[in-house]
C-alpha atoms as a PDB file:
ATOM      1  CA  MET A   1     -49.221  86.780 -23.137  1.00  0.00           C
ATOM      2  CA  SER A   2     -47.631  84.240 -20.849  1.00  0.00           C
ATOM      3  CA  ASP A   3     -49.182  81.129 -19.832  1.00  0.00           C
ATOM      4  CA  PRO A   4     -50.661  81.665 -16.097  1.00  0.00           C
ATOM      5  CA  SER A   5     -50.107  77.946 -15.349  1.00  0.00           C
ATOM      6  CA  ALA A   6     -46.425  78.321 -15.682  1.00  0.00           C
ATOM      7  CA  GLN A   7     -46.058  80.766 -12.733  1.00  0.00           C
ATOM      8  CA  PRO A   8     -47.030  78.419  -9.885  1.00  0.00           C
ATOM      9  CA  LEU A   9     -44.712  75.820 -11.338  1.00  0.00           C
ATOM     10  CA  ALA A  10     -41.956  78.282 -11.161  1.00  0.00           C
ATOM     11  CA  THR A  11     -42.720  79.242  -7.745  1.00  0.00           C
ATOM     12  CA  ALA A  12     -43.121  75.826  -6.603  1.00  0.00           C
ATOM     13  CA  SER A  13     -39.712  74.967  -8.225  1.00  0.00           C
ATOM     14  CA  ALA A  14     -38.202  77.974  -6.563  1.00  0.00           C
ATOM     15  CA  LEU A  15     -39.236  76.945  -3.262  1.00  0.00           C
ATOM     16  CA  ALA A  16     -38.217  73.389  -3.553  1.00  0.00           C
ATOM     17  CA  ALA A  17     -34.643  74.675  -4.494  1.00  0.00           C
ATOM     18  CA  ALA A  18     -34.515  77.134  -1.529  1.00  0.00           C
ATOM     19  CA  SER A  19     -35.783  74.181   0.737  1.00  0.00           C
ATOM     20  CA  ALA A  20     -32.993  72.078  -0.674  1.00  0.00           C
ATOM     21  CA  ARG A  21     -30.505  74.756  -0.133  1.00  0.00           C
ATOM     22  CA  ALA A  22     -31.464  75.449   3.378  1.00  0.00           C
ATOM     23  CA  GLY A  23     -31.605  71.651   4.318  1.00  0.00           C
ATOM     24  CA  GLU A  24     -27.962  71.447   3.173  1.00  0.00           C
ATOM     25  CA  LEU A  25     -26.985  74.399   5.094  1.00  0.00           C
ATOM     26  CA  ARG A  26     -28.592  72.767   8.079  1.00  0.00           C
ATOM     27  CA  ARG A  27     -26.886  69.451   7.443  1.00  0.00           C
ATOM     28  CA  LEU A  28     -23.431  71.483   7.083  1.00  0.00           C
ATOM     29  CA  ALA A  29     -24.202  73.092  10.442  1.00  0.00           C
ATOM     30  CA  ALA A  30     -24.925  69.809  12.183  1.00  0.00           C
ATOM     31  CA  GLN A  31     -21.743  68.217  10.760  1.00  0.00           C
ATOM     32  CA  VAL A  32     -19.744  71.074  11.980  1.00  0.00           C
ATOM     33  CA  GLU A  33     -21.259  70.574  15.419  1.00  0.00           C
ATOM     34  CA  ALA A  34     -20.443  66.842  15.477  1.00  0.00           C
ATOM     35  CA  LEU A  35     -16.772  67.426  14.728  1.00  0.00           C
ATOM     36  CA  ARG A  36     -14.586  65.798  17.251  1.00  0.00           C
ATOM     37  CA  LEU A  37     -12.372  68.679  17.015  1.00  0.00           C
ATOM     38  CA  LEU A  38     -14.791  70.626  19.370  1.00  0.00           C
ATOM     39  CA  ASP A  39     -13.756  68.546  22.178  1.00  0.00           C
ATOM     40  CA  LEU A  40     -10.109  68.885  21.806  1.00  0.00           C
ATOM     41  CA  HIS A  41      -9.578  71.502  24.415  1.00  0.00           C
ATOM     42  CA  ARG A  42     -10.782  68.869  26.890  1.00  0.00           C
ATOM     43  CA  TRP A  43      -7.318  66.795  26.080  1.00  0.00           C
ATOM     44  CA  ALA A  44      -5.231  70.102  26.353  1.00  0.00           C
ATOM     45  CA  GLY A  45      -5.582  70.646  30.237  1.00  0.00           C
ATOM     46  CA  ASP A  46      -3.405  70.623  33.054  1.00  0.00           C
ATOM     47  CA  GLU A  47      -3.560  66.791  33.372  1.00  0.00           C
ATOM     48  CA  VAL A  48      -1.785  66.501  29.876  1.00  0.00           C
ATOM     49  CA  TRP A  49       0.994  69.241  30.239  1.00  0.00           C
ATOM     50  CA  ILE A  50       1.411  72.559  32.363  1.00  0.00           C
ATOM     51  CA  GLY A  51       2.934  75.847  31.547  1.00  0.00           C
ATOM     52  CA  PRO A  52       2.038  78.999  29.596  1.00  0.00           C
ATOM     53  CA  VAL A  53       2.360  77.181  26.214  1.00  0.00           C
ATOM     54  CA  ALA A  54      -0.321  74.551  27.390  1.00  0.00           C
ATOM     55  CA  TRP A  55      -2.543  77.421  28.582  1.00  0.00           C
ATOM     56  CA  GLN A  56      -2.122  79.294  25.297  1.00  0.00           C
ATOM     57  CA  CYS A  57      -2.875  76.138  23.364  1.00  0.00           C
ATOM     58  CA  ARG A  58      -6.067  75.365  25.466  1.00  0.00           C
ATOM     59  CA  GLU A  59      -7.318  79.044  24.986  1.00  0.00           C
ATOM     60  CA  GLN A  60      -6.732  78.843  21.250  1.00  0.00           C
ATOM     61  CA  LEU A  61      -8.590  75.562  21.057  1.00  0.00           C
ATOM     62  CA  LEU A  62     -11.569  77.247  22.969  1.00  0.00           C
ATOM     63  CA  ALA A  63     -11.396  80.244  20.759  1.00  0.00           C
ATOM     64  CA  HIS A  64     -11.638  78.038  17.648  1.00  0.00           C
ATOM     65  CA  ARG A  65     -14.253  75.961  19.118  1.00  0.00           C
ATOM     66  CA  ARG A  66     -16.329  79.168  19.777  1.00  0.00           C
ATOM     67  CA  LEU A  67     -15.601  80.366  15.943  1.00  0.00           C
ATOM     68  CA  LEU A  68     -16.905  76.869  14.699  1.00  0.00           C
ATOM     69  CA  LEU A  69     -20.167  76.971  16.900  1.00  0.00           C
ATOM     70  CA  PHE A  70     -20.615  80.570  15.637  1.00  0.00           C
ATOM     71  CA  ALA A  71     -20.172  79.402  12.132  1.00  0.00           C
ATOM     72  CA  ALA A  72     -22.744  76.670  12.641  1.00  0.00           C
ATOM     73  CA  ASP A  73     -25.227  79.279  13.798  1.00  0.00           C
ATOM     74  CA  GLY A  74     -24.484  81.433  10.951  1.00  0.00           C
ATOM     75  CA  LEU A  75     -25.289  78.511   8.578  1.00  0.00           C
ATOM     76  CA  ARG A  76     -28.597  77.941  10.365  1.00  0.00           C
ATOM     77  CA  ALA A  77     -29.513  81.631   9.978  1.00  0.00           C
ATOM     78  CA  ALA A  78     -28.388  81.653   6.313  1.00  0.00           C
ATOM     79  CA  ALA A  79     -31.035  78.597   5.916  1.00  0.00           C
ATOM     80  CA  ARG A  80     -33.612  80.732   7.410  1.00  0.00           C
ATOM     81  CA  ARG A  81     -32.924  83.587   5.021  1.00  0.00           C
ATOM     82  CA  VAL A  82     -32.734  81.358   2.054  1.00  0.00           C
ATOM     83  CA  GLU A  83     -36.482  80.000   2.945  1.00  0.00           C
ATOM     84  CA  GLN A  84     -37.678  83.352   3.825  1.00  0.00           C
ATOM     85  CA  GLY A  85     -36.286  84.835   0.740  1.00  0.00           C
ATOM     86  CA  ALA A  86     -38.124  82.123  -1.293  1.00  0.00           C
ATOM     87  CA  LEU A  87     -41.473  82.944   0.214  1.00  0.00           C
ATOM     88  CA  GLY A  88     -41.000  86.599  -0.590  1.00  0.00           C
ATOM     89  CA  PRO A  89     -41.851  89.740   1.272  1.00  0.00           C
END
């Protein structure tokens, strides 16, 4: 027969680990959102250079910006799933 006092410790330990993982995911999301790279498209406008290559460059920078912000949202969603999974059904 198992020790009933061991179960709450395991659950508390699992909750603490899940909380730590979720916190790390949120910190990573914040780091992604703080990247100076996200503002790079502002430096690739018509005031810097003109033409189809300039336009394509700016559009690609904006597309990558959207992808990075989408990834940050995904990291936060993963953090919520980690926490919810630790709490159980």
